[in-house]
N, C-alpha and C. Protein backbone atom coordinates (compact mmCIF):
# COMPACT_ATOMS: atom_id res chain seq x y z
N MET A 1 45.12 58.65 52.97
CA MET A 1 46.29 58.88 52.25
C MET A 1 46.58 60.27 52.14
N GLU A 2 47.82 60.88 52.28
CA GLU A 2 47.93 62.31 52.21
C GLU A 2 48.33 62.57 50.77
N SER A 3 47.67 63.72 50.37
CA SER A 3 47.90 64.16 48.87
C SER A 3 49.29 64.69 48.76
N VAL A 4 49.60 64.58 47.48
CA VAL A 4 51.00 65.00 46.98
C VAL A 4 51.36 66.56 47.48
N PRO A 5 50.47 67.53 47.22
CA PRO A 5 50.70 68.84 47.69
C PRO A 5 50.80 68.80 49.30
N GLY A 6 50.07 67.99 49.90
CA GLY A 6 50.09 67.84 51.37
C GLY A 6 51.69 67.28 51.87
N ARG A 7 52.13 66.35 51.21
CA ARG A 7 53.33 65.78 51.39
C ARG A 7 54.54 66.91 51.12
N ILE A 8 54.51 67.59 50.16
CA ILE A 8 55.42 68.46 49.77
C ILE A 8 55.30 69.62 50.73
N VAL A 9 54.32 70.20 51.06
CA VAL A 9 54.06 71.15 52.13
C VAL A 9 54.61 70.74 53.51
N GLY A 10 54.20 69.53 53.75
CA GLY A 10 54.80 69.08 55.17
C GLY A 10 56.32 68.83 55.19
N ARG A 11 56.76 68.31 53.97
CA ARG A 11 58.35 68.31 53.94
C ARG A 11 59.03 69.68 54.02
N ILE A 12 58.42 70.69 53.20
CA ILE A 12 59.08 72.04 53.39
C ILE A 12 58.93 72.55 54.83
N VAL A 13 57.71 72.62 55.41
CA VAL A 13 57.57 72.97 56.78
C VAL A 13 58.49 72.35 57.81
N ASN A 14 58.77 71.02 57.57
CA ASN A 14 59.33 70.30 58.43
C ASN A 14 60.95 70.69 58.36
N GLU A 15 61.43 70.89 57.15
CA GLU A 15 62.64 71.32 56.83
C GLU A 15 63.11 72.76 57.43
N VAL A 16 62.25 73.59 57.23
CA VAL A 16 62.34 75.01 57.69
C VAL A 16 62.29 74.84 59.19
N ALA A 17 61.36 74.09 59.84
CA ALA A 17 61.32 74.09 61.25
C ALA A 17 62.68 73.43 61.83
N ARG A 18 63.25 72.52 61.33
CA ARG A 18 64.36 71.86 61.61
C ARG A 18 65.54 72.90 61.50
N GLU A 19 65.61 73.51 60.35
CA GLU A 19 66.74 74.39 60.18
C GLU A 19 66.75 75.71 61.08
N THR A 20 65.51 76.12 61.36
CA THR A 20 65.37 77.28 62.33
C THR A 20 65.24 76.88 63.75
N GLY A 21 65.10 75.69 64.17
CA GLY A 21 64.86 75.30 65.43
C GLY A 21 63.47 75.69 66.09
N ARG A 22 62.60 75.85 65.13
CA ARG A 22 61.14 76.18 65.56
C ARG A 22 60.24 75.01 65.50
N ASP A 23 59.11 75.00 66.27
CA ASP A 23 58.11 74.12 66.13
C ASP A 23 57.38 74.27 64.81
N PRO A 24 57.10 73.24 64.03
CA PRO A 24 56.40 73.33 62.81
C PRO A 24 55.09 74.12 62.85
N VAL A 25 54.31 73.82 63.93
CA VAL A 25 53.09 74.46 64.07
C VAL A 25 53.17 75.92 64.59
N ALA A 26 54.34 76.39 64.80
CA ALA A 26 54.68 77.77 65.07
C ALA A 26 55.01 78.59 63.82
N LEU A 27 55.17 77.91 62.72
CA LEU A 27 55.61 78.60 61.46
C LEU A 27 54.29 79.22 60.78
N PRO A 28 54.48 80.15 60.10
CA PRO A 28 53.24 80.75 59.39
C PRO A 28 52.93 79.64 58.35
N PRO A 29 51.54 79.66 58.02
CA PRO A 29 51.01 78.77 57.03
C PRO A 29 51.66 79.01 55.60
N LEU A 30 52.27 77.82 55.06
CA LEU A 30 52.96 78.01 53.85
C LEU A 30 52.07 78.50 52.74
N TYR A 31 50.67 78.17 52.68
CA TYR A 31 49.75 78.51 51.78
C TYR A 31 49.72 80.20 51.66
N GLU A 32 50.09 80.85 52.58
CA GLU A 32 50.11 82.33 52.66
C GLU A 32 51.35 82.85 51.64
N ILE A 33 52.25 81.96 51.32
CA ILE A 33 53.43 82.26 50.70
C ILE A 33 53.36 81.73 49.24
N VAL A 34 52.72 80.52 48.98
CA VAL A 34 52.78 79.82 47.60
C VAL A 34 51.59 78.91 47.72
N ASP A 35 51.03 78.85 46.63
CA ASP A 35 49.84 77.80 46.51
C ASP A 35 50.43 76.40 46.52
N PRO A 36 50.04 75.60 47.41
CA PRO A 36 50.60 74.27 47.53
C PRO A 36 50.17 73.45 46.25
N ASP A 37 49.09 73.51 45.65
CA ASP A 37 48.61 72.60 44.57
C ASP A 37 49.46 73.18 43.38
N ALA A 38 49.65 74.49 43.13
CA ALA A 38 50.52 74.87 42.12
C ALA A 38 51.92 74.37 42.21
N LEU A 39 52.44 74.58 43.35
CA LEU A 39 53.91 74.08 43.90
C LEU A 39 53.87 72.77 43.40
N SER A 40 53.02 71.94 43.76
CA SER A 40 53.03 70.41 43.50
C SER A 40 53.06 70.02 42.03
N VAL A 41 52.22 70.75 41.29
CA VAL A 41 52.27 70.62 39.84
C VAL A 41 53.69 70.94 39.24
N VAL A 42 54.23 72.18 39.64
CA VAL A 42 55.48 72.52 39.08
C VAL A 42 56.54 71.53 39.57
N VAL A 43 56.69 71.12 40.71
CA VAL A 43 57.70 70.16 41.23
C VAL A 43 57.57 68.87 40.35
N GLU A 44 56.32 68.33 40.23
CA GLU A 44 56.14 67.14 39.45
C GLU A 44 56.58 67.18 38.13
N THR A 45 56.30 68.37 37.52
CA THR A 45 56.65 68.37 35.89
C THR A 45 57.96 69.02 35.65
N LEU A 46 58.76 69.55 36.74
CA LEU A 46 59.97 70.16 36.48
C LEU A 46 61.05 69.19 35.97
N ASP A 47 61.60 69.33 34.86
CA ASP A 47 62.56 68.44 34.25
C ASP A 47 64.08 68.96 34.66
N ASN A 48 64.20 70.35 34.68
CA ASN A 48 65.49 70.85 34.82
C ASN A 48 65.35 72.28 35.29
N GLY A 49 65.70 72.57 36.66
CA GLY A 49 65.55 73.78 37.10
C GLY A 49 65.21 73.84 38.58
N THR A 50 64.94 74.90 39.08
CA THR A 50 64.69 75.19 40.39
C THR A 50 63.44 76.14 40.56
N VAL A 51 62.74 75.83 41.71
CA VAL A 51 61.67 76.98 42.19
C VAL A 51 62.06 77.10 43.50
N ALA A 52 62.18 78.61 43.72
CA ALA A 52 62.62 79.09 45.07
C ALA A 52 61.79 80.24 45.44
N PHE A 53 61.61 80.26 46.83
CA PHE A 53 60.86 81.34 47.47
C PHE A 53 61.27 81.43 48.91
N ARG A 54 60.97 82.50 49.55
CA ARG A 54 61.38 82.86 50.87
C ARG A 54 60.13 82.39 51.71
N TYR A 55 60.62 81.84 52.99
CA TYR A 55 59.44 81.37 53.89
C TYR A 55 60.06 81.28 55.12
N ALA A 56 59.44 82.04 56.20
CA ALA A 56 59.88 81.82 57.64
C ALA A 56 61.33 82.17 57.78
N GLU A 57 61.83 83.23 57.22
CA GLU A 57 63.21 83.72 57.37
C GLU A 57 64.13 82.81 56.73
N CYS A 58 63.74 81.95 55.70
CA CYS A 58 64.62 80.97 54.98
C CYS A 58 64.35 81.21 53.58
N GLU A 59 65.46 80.89 52.69
CA GLU A 59 65.27 80.62 51.37
C GLU A 59 65.14 79.00 51.09
N VAL A 60 63.95 78.86 50.39
CA VAL A 60 63.67 77.32 50.12
C VAL A 60 63.65 77.26 48.67
N ALA A 61 64.43 76.29 48.27
CA ALA A 61 64.75 75.92 46.92
C ALA A 61 64.28 74.52 46.68
N LEU A 62 63.36 74.16 45.65
CA LEU A 62 63.01 72.97 45.10
C LEU A 62 63.70 72.55 43.84
N GLN A 63 64.64 71.60 43.87
CA GLN A 63 65.42 71.46 42.58
C GLN A 63 65.00 70.12 41.91
N SER A 64 64.85 70.28 40.59
CA SER A 64 64.56 68.92 40.03
C SER A 64 65.53 67.87 40.19
N GLY A 65 65.11 66.64 40.72
CA GLY A 65 65.95 65.52 40.90
C GLY A 65 66.99 65.71 42.05
N GLU A 66 66.94 66.85 42.59
CA GLU A 66 67.86 67.13 43.81
C GLU A 66 67.32 67.13 45.17
N GLY A 67 66.15 67.90 45.32
CA GLY A 67 65.50 67.82 46.55
C GLY A 67 65.14 69.27 47.15
N ILE A 68 64.87 69.33 48.40
CA ILE A 68 64.50 70.58 49.06
C ILE A 68 65.84 71.17 49.80
N ASP A 69 66.14 72.36 49.38
CA ASP A 69 67.35 73.11 49.96
C ASP A 69 66.82 74.17 50.74
N VAL A 70 67.17 74.30 52.05
CA VAL A 70 66.56 75.31 53.09
C VAL A 70 67.89 76.07 53.56
N ARG A 71 67.86 77.28 53.34
CA ARG A 71 68.97 78.25 53.87
C ARG A 71 68.37 79.36 54.76
N PRO A 72 68.64 79.54 55.95
CA PRO A 72 68.29 80.60 56.72
C PRO A 72 68.76 81.94 55.96
N VAL A 73 68.04 83.04 56.13
CA VAL A 73 68.34 84.35 55.69
C VAL A 73 68.53 85.09 56.99
N ASP A 74 69.75 85.84 56.85
CA ASP A 74 70.03 86.71 58.12
C ASP A 74 69.29 87.90 57.89
N GLN A 75 69.43 88.91 58.89
CA GLN A 75 68.83 90.21 58.96
C GLN A 75 69.00 90.92 57.71
N SER A 76 70.18 90.81 57.10
CA SER A 76 70.70 91.71 55.93
C SER A 76 69.91 91.13 54.56
N GLY A 77 69.57 89.97 54.86
CA GLY A 77 68.91 89.20 53.57
C GLY A 77 69.81 88.26 52.81
N ASP A 78 71.04 88.13 53.49
CA ASP A 78 72.06 87.06 52.93
C ASP A 78 71.72 85.79 53.37
N GLU A 79 71.77 84.72 52.58
CA GLU A 79 71.81 83.27 52.80
C GLU A 79 72.80 82.84 53.69
N ARG A 80 72.57 81.92 54.69
CA ARG A 80 73.63 81.20 55.31
C ARG A 80 73.57 79.78 54.96
N THR A 81 74.54 79.07 55.28
CA THR A 81 74.61 77.51 55.09
C THR A 81 73.32 76.91 55.70
N GLY A 82 72.73 76.00 54.97
CA GLY A 82 71.59 75.41 55.31
C GLY A 82 71.43 73.89 55.12
N ALA A 83 70.14 73.33 55.20
CA ALA A 83 70.01 71.83 55.12
C ALA A 83 69.33 71.60 53.76
N SER A 84 69.54 70.27 53.40
CA SER A 84 68.87 69.75 52.18
C SER A 84 68.24 68.44 52.43
N GLU A 85 67.27 68.30 51.62
CA GLU A 85 66.45 66.81 51.61
C GLU A 85 66.14 66.52 50.23
N HIS A 86 66.51 65.31 50.00
CA HIS A 86 66.16 64.81 48.44
C HIS A 86 64.84 64.65 48.18
N LEU A 87 64.27 65.10 47.06
CA LEU A 87 62.92 64.98 46.64
C LEU A 87 62.83 63.45 46.10
N GLU A 88 61.67 62.77 46.46
CA GLU A 88 61.39 61.56 45.93
C GLU A 88 60.09 61.49 45.20
């Protein structure tokens, strides 16, 4: 059985890969950007709010009750329209 941090990490990596058109194994390890265990605890206890960070040229936002929002960031640092996935 996969751990909760593993599921969140996998979903983030897969969403970023899908949005950027890259193979998930070609992306940098997410743990170099954020602690997966800490991220899992925050997401599980988040009642109202958003946790956001940059990963692999994308802005990743985990929103309470909403899901994972991934938006590519262009060379200037501006966000572009991206994909979303609901958190369960």
